[in-house]
Amino acid sequence: MSQFAELKEFSDRVGTVFGTEDFALMLYSLVRMQRPEVMVELGAGCLVTSLWMALAARENGQGKVYAVDDGSHWPQVIGNASYPFNSDERIADYVAYVEHLKNRFDVTERLQLISQRMPPYPAIDKPVDLLFSDFSHGPQAIISLFAHYFSRLSPSANVFIDSASTFYPSYAYLEMLVPILNKGTIPASLLQCIGEADRDAAKAYVGSSRFTLVHLTEVKNRAQNSTAWLKIEPLDTQPYPMTSFHQ
């Protein structure tokens, strides 16, 4: 069995725990297409989406995934006998589980676990190209997320927020927020949550960016059945990442 097929078999089983078995393949494709350098998943869960991004980064020959999770959910997950883990995957220690899968799918160099509770969010020393928030999706969590990352994203970035598109308060907040951002303005309620040291950088980022909101929804009867996608590009006359036009 090829490694791609083995990961697909794994994610078809284990991805159902948090509803990421299909979305993970979209992230894999996006990483293969756009070749991001820095990918961050906040709330790595069973590691399905992080593994697919890391596999794509390995195939690209560039990029790294930072999977952020303190493992506090893990005893409950692994203790549920109905969840579809194989015997070798039922590892009691979360860090050991992550290391086992990194080795199994040969992505050790492309995937790093950051073990911490959030917020605060981890410090990454490079701009983030792809951000997947997979641990909290209420409006206040979205405000906290953007307050931290608006000064830390790449000029061309993709931000995904799990379940926000089918949780009405978050859906409504994002629908109100994006038109304001596209006017080059940060709403006062969000701006006041940005640290003073980051405020000017966040204003400059929003003022020079175009924001496109896409609601990705599944036709599946389960609680985690959507992802809000915020596509961010520099204000320009060409699409980003920069590419050549057809002749």
Protein backbone atom coordinates (compact mmCIF):
# COMPACT_ATOMS: atom_id res chain seq x y z
CA MET A 1 0.00 0.00 0.00
CA SER A 2 1.36 3.45 -0.90
CA GLN A 3 1.80 6.00 1.86
CA PHE A 4 -0.94 8.15 0.33
CA ALA A 5 -3.32 5.20 0.37
CA GLU A 6 -2.30 4.27 3.92
CA LEU A 7 -2.96 7.81 5.17
CA LYS A 8 -6.29 7.82 3.33
CA GLU A 9 -7.28 4.60 5.06
CA PHE A 10 -6.23 6.07 8.41
CA SER A 11 -8.05 9.37 7.90
CA ASP A 12 -11.22 7.71 6.61
CA ARG A 13 -11.42 5.95 9.97
CA VAL A 14 -9.96 8.37 12.50
CA GLY A 15 -11.07 11.56 10.75
CA THR A 16 -14.67 10.73 11.64
CA VAL A 17 -13.93 11.42 15.32
CA PHE A 18 -13.85 15.19 14.66
CA GLY A 19 -15.29 15.26 11.14
CA THR A 20 -12.09 16.10 9.24
CA GLU A 21 -11.77 13.10 6.92
CA ASP A 22 -12.88 15.05 3.83
CA PHE A 23 -11.61 18.53 4.67
CA ALA A 24 -8.12 17.11 5.28
CA LEU A 25 -7.88 16.20 1.59
CA MET A 26 -8.78 19.75 0.60
CA LEU A 27 -5.95 21.05 2.78
CA TYR A 28 -3.58 18.52 1.23
CA SER A 29 -4.50 19.75 -2.26
CA LEU A 30 -4.21 23.41 -1.29
CA VAL A 31 -0.76 22.88 0.23
CA ARG A 32 0.39 21.00 -2.87
CA MET A 33 -0.85 23.85 -5.09
CA GLN A 34 0.33 26.88 -3.12
CA ARG A 35 3.44 25.47 -1.40
CA PRO A 36 3.12 27.40 1.90
CA GLU A 37 6.13 27.62 4.19
CA VAL A 38 4.38 27.90 7.56
CA MET A 39 1.16 26.07 8.44
CA VAL A 40 -0.41 26.20 11.90
CA GLU A 41 -3.22 24.02 13.22
CA LEU A 42 -4.65 25.19 16.53
CA GLY A 43 -6.16 22.10 18.10
CA ALA A 44 -4.61 19.13 16.33
CA GLY A 45 -7.04 16.54 17.71
CA CYS A 46 -6.31 13.11 16.22
CA LEU A 47 -3.71 14.70 13.90
CA VAL A 48 -5.55 13.87 10.66
CA THR A 49 -5.40 17.31 9.01
CA SER A 50 -1.86 18.01 10.27
CA LEU A 51 -0.65 14.73 8.75
CA TRP A 52 -2.17 15.51 5.35
CA MET A 53 -0.61 18.99 5.30
CA ALA A 54 2.73 17.57 6.39
CA LEU A 55 2.60 14.90 3.68
CA ALA A 56 1.93 17.60 1.08
CA ALA A 57 4.83 19.68 2.46
CA ARG A 58 7.13 16.65 2.25
CA GLU A 59 6.10 16.05 -1.35
CA ASN A 60 6.65 19.76 -2.10
CA GLY A 61 10.11 19.61 -0.53
CA GLN A 62 9.32 22.68 1.58
CA GLY A 63 7.12 23.88 4.41
CA LYS A 64 6.41 22.91 7.99
CA VAL A 65 3.27 22.22 10.00
CA TYR A 66 3.01 23.35 13.63
CA ALA A 67 0.33 21.29 15.35
CA VAL A 68 -0.73 22.98 18.60
CA ASP A 69 -2.49 20.86 21.22
CA ASP A 70 -1.93 20.17 24.91
CA GLY A 71 -3.56 16.73 24.63
CA SER A 72 -6.07 17.44 27.41
CA HIS A 73 -8.85 15.91 25.28
CA TRP A 74 -6.89 12.75 24.56
CA PRO A 75 -7.81 10.50 27.53
CA GLN A 76 -11.50 10.92 26.70
CA VAL A 77 -10.94 10.28 23.00
CA ILE A 78 -8.72 7.25 23.36
CA GLY A 79 -10.90 5.87 26.15
CA ASN A 80 -13.95 5.72 23.90
CA ALA A 81 -14.06 2.14 22.66
CA SER A 82 -16.45 3.05 19.83
CA TYR A 83 -13.89 5.31 18.14
CA PRO A 84 -12.20 3.58 15.17
CA PHE A 85 -8.59 3.35 16.28
CA ASN A 86 -6.51 0.29 15.51
CA SER A 87 -4.71 -1.37 18.41
CA ASP A 88 -1.35 0.24 17.57
CA GLU A 89 -3.01 3.68 17.53
CA ARG A 90 -4.51 3.42 21.03
CA ILE A 91 -1.54 5.05 22.73
CA ALA A 92 -2.37 6.55 26.11
CA ASP A 93 0.17 9.39 25.97
CA TYR A 94 -0.73 12.07 23.40
CA VAL A 95 2.86 13.09 22.65
CA ALA A 96 3.77 9.44 22.05
CA TYR A 97 0.72 9.08 19.77
CA VAL A 98 1.88 12.07 17.69
CA GLU A 99 5.44 10.74 17.46
CA HIS A 100 4.16 7.32 16.42
CA LEU A 101 2.17 8.83 13.53
CA LYS A 102 4.96 11.19 12.46
CA ASN A 103 7.27 8.20 12.11
CA ARG A 104 4.65 5.98 10.53
CA PHE A 105 3.93 8.48 7.75
CA ASP A 106 7.52 9.74 7.45
CA VAL A 107 6.75 13.41 8.17
CA THR A 108 9.02 13.97 11.17
CA GLU A 109 10.88 16.82 9.48
CA ARG A 110 7.65 18.50 8.32
CA LEU A 111 5.51 18.28 11.44
CA GLN A 112 6.18 19.70 14.91
CA LEU A 113 3.90 19.36 17.93
CA ILE A 114 3.64 22.40 20.18
CA SER A 115 2.13 21.18 23.43
CA GLN A 116 0.26 24.05 25.06
CA ARG A 117 -3.21 25.21 26.02
CA MET A 118 -4.70 28.14 24.08
CA PRO A 119 -4.89 31.06 24.33
CA PRO A 120 -2.21 32.40 24.42
CA TYR A 121 -1.24 31.35 20.94
CA PRO A 122 2.21 29.96 20.16
CA ALA A 123 5.02 32.18 18.93
CA ILE A 124 6.09 31.25 15.39
CA ASP A 125 9.16 33.13 14.13
CA LYS A 126 7.90 33.39 10.53
CA PRO A 127 4.69 34.77 8.96
CA VAL A 128 1.90 32.19 8.85
CA ASP A 129 0.72 31.18 5.36
CA LEU A 130 -2.05 28.79 6.39
CA LEU A 131 -3.90 28.88 9.71
CA PHE A 132 -6.49 26.31 10.77
CA SER A 133 -8.31 27.05 14.02
CA ASP A 134 -9.77 23.74 15.05
CA PHE A 135 -10.46 24.14 18.76
CA SER A 136 -12.96 26.97 19.34
CA HIS A 137 -15.28 28.77 16.94
CA GLY A 138 -17.47 31.25 18.85
CA PRO A 139 -17.39 34.97 17.98
CA GLN A 140 -15.14 35.83 20.93
CA ALA A 141 -12.71 33.08 19.88
CA ILE A 142 -12.66 34.52 16.36
CA ILE A 143 -11.93 38.00 17.73
CA SER A 144 -9.10 36.59 19.86
CA LEU A 145 -7.73 34.69 16.86
CA PHE A 146 -7.62 37.70 14.54
CA ALA A 147 -6.39 40.01 17.29
CA HIS A 148 -3.30 37.83 17.58
CA TYR A 149 -2.72 36.87 13.94
CA PHE A 150 -3.50 39.99 11.88
CA SER A 151 0.07 41.15 12.51
CA ARG A 152 1.51 37.66 11.98
CA LEU A 153 0.02 36.44 8.69
CA SER A 154 1.72 36.35 5.30
CA PRO A 155 0.55 38.86 2.68
CA SER A 156 -1.18 35.95 0.94
CA ALA A 157 -2.77 33.71 3.57
CA ASN A 158 -5.59 31.26 4.14
CA VAL A 159 -7.42 31.14 7.48
CA PHE A 160 -9.83 28.30 8.25
CA ILE A 161 -12.15 28.21 11.28
CA ASP A 162 -13.77 24.88 11.97
CA SER A 163 -17.58 24.82 12.42
CA ALA A 164 -17.93 28.63 12.24
CA SER A 165 -20.12 28.54 9.12
CA THR A 166 -22.89 26.51 10.74
CA PHE A 167 -22.78 28.12 14.19
CA TYR A 168 -25.04 31.09 13.58
CA PRO A 169 -23.40 33.66 15.91
CA SER A 170 -20.02 33.04 14.25
CA TYR A 171 -21.53 32.96 10.77
CA ALA A 172 -23.21 36.32 11.39
CA TYR A 173 -20.09 37.84 12.93
CA LEU A 174 -17.91 36.86 9.97
CA GLU A 175 -20.52 38.15 7.51
CA MET A 176 -20.43 41.52 9.28
CA LEU A 177 -16.67 41.56 9.82
CA VAL A 178 -15.41 40.92 6.29
CA PRO A 179 -17.07 43.95 4.60
CA ILE A 180 -15.57 46.18 7.31
CA LEU A 181 -12.12 44.67 6.79
CA ASN A 182 -12.44 45.24 3.04
CA LYS A 183 -12.86 48.94 3.77
CA GLY A 184 -9.38 48.83 5.32
CA THR A 185 -10.76 49.17 8.84
CA ILE A 186 -10.57 47.01 11.96
CA PRO A 187 -13.75 47.17 14.08
CA ALA A 188 -13.23 48.89 17.42
CA SER A 189 -14.24 45.79 19.40
CA LEU A 190 -11.51 43.79 17.64
CA LEU A 191 -8.93 46.57 17.64
CA GLN A 192 -9.10 46.96 21.41
CA CYS A 193 -8.15 43.28 21.77
CA ILE A 194 -4.94 43.74 19.79
CA GLY A 195 -1.87 44.43 21.91
CA GLU A 196 -0.52 47.94 21.58
CA ALA A 197 2.78 46.64 20.18
CA ASP A 198 0.94 44.85 17.34
CA ARG A 199 -1.75 47.44 16.59
CA ASP A 200 0.03 49.43 13.88
CA ALA A 201 1.14 46.26 12.07
CA ALA A 202 -2.41 44.87 12.19
CA LYS A 203 -3.85 48.12 10.80
CA ALA A 204 -1.29 48.14 7.99
CA TYR A 205 -2.04 44.50 7.16
CA VAL A 206 -5.79 45.01 6.97
CA GLY A 207 -5.40 48.24 5.03
CA SER A 208 -3.33 46.56 2.31
CA SER A 209 -5.36 43.32 2.02
CA ARG A 210 -8.46 41.97 0.32
CA PHE A 211 -10.58 39.46 2.24
CA THR A 212 -12.83 36.82 0.69
CA LEU A 213 -15.11 34.73 2.90
CA VAL A 214 -16.19 31.28 1.74
CA HIS A 215 -18.49 29.01 3.74
CA LEU A 216 -17.56 25.38 3.20
CA THR A 217 -20.48 23.21 4.30
CA GLU A 218 -21.04 19.46 4.23
CA VAL A 219 -24.25 17.64 3.50
CA LYS A 220 -23.75 15.43 6.52
CA ASN A 221 -25.91 15.17 9.60
CA ARG A 222 -23.31 15.83 12.28
CA ALA A 223 -22.33 18.71 14.55
CA GLN A 224 -18.96 19.49 12.93
CA ASN A 225 -20.12 19.95 9.36
CA SER A 226 -18.58 23.20 8.13
CA THR A 227 -15.47 25.35 7.90
CA ALA A 228 -15.27 29.10 7.36
CA TRP A 229 -12.50 30.00 4.91
CA LEU A 230 -11.03 33.50 4.88
CA LYS A 231 -8.84 33.95 1.82
CA ILE A 232 -6.50 36.94 2.18
CA GLU A 233 -4.63 38.56 -0.69
CA PRO A 234 -2.70 41.80 -1.11
CA LEU A 235 -4.60 44.61 -2.81
CA ASP A 236 -3.29 44.29 -6.36
CA THR A 237 -4.33 43.78 -9.96
CA GLN A 238 -2.97 40.21 -10.05
CA PRO A 239 -4.01 37.05 -8.24
CA TYR A 240 -1.90 35.72 -5.37
CA PRO A 241 0.24 33.77 -4.93
CA MET A 242 1.85 35.39 -7.95
CA THR A 243 1.61 33.22 -11.03
CA SER A 244 1.89 33.61 -14.78
CA PHE A 245 -1.03 34.50 -17.02
CA HIS A 246 -2.03 32.39 -20.03
CA GLN A 247 -0.85 33.73 -23.37
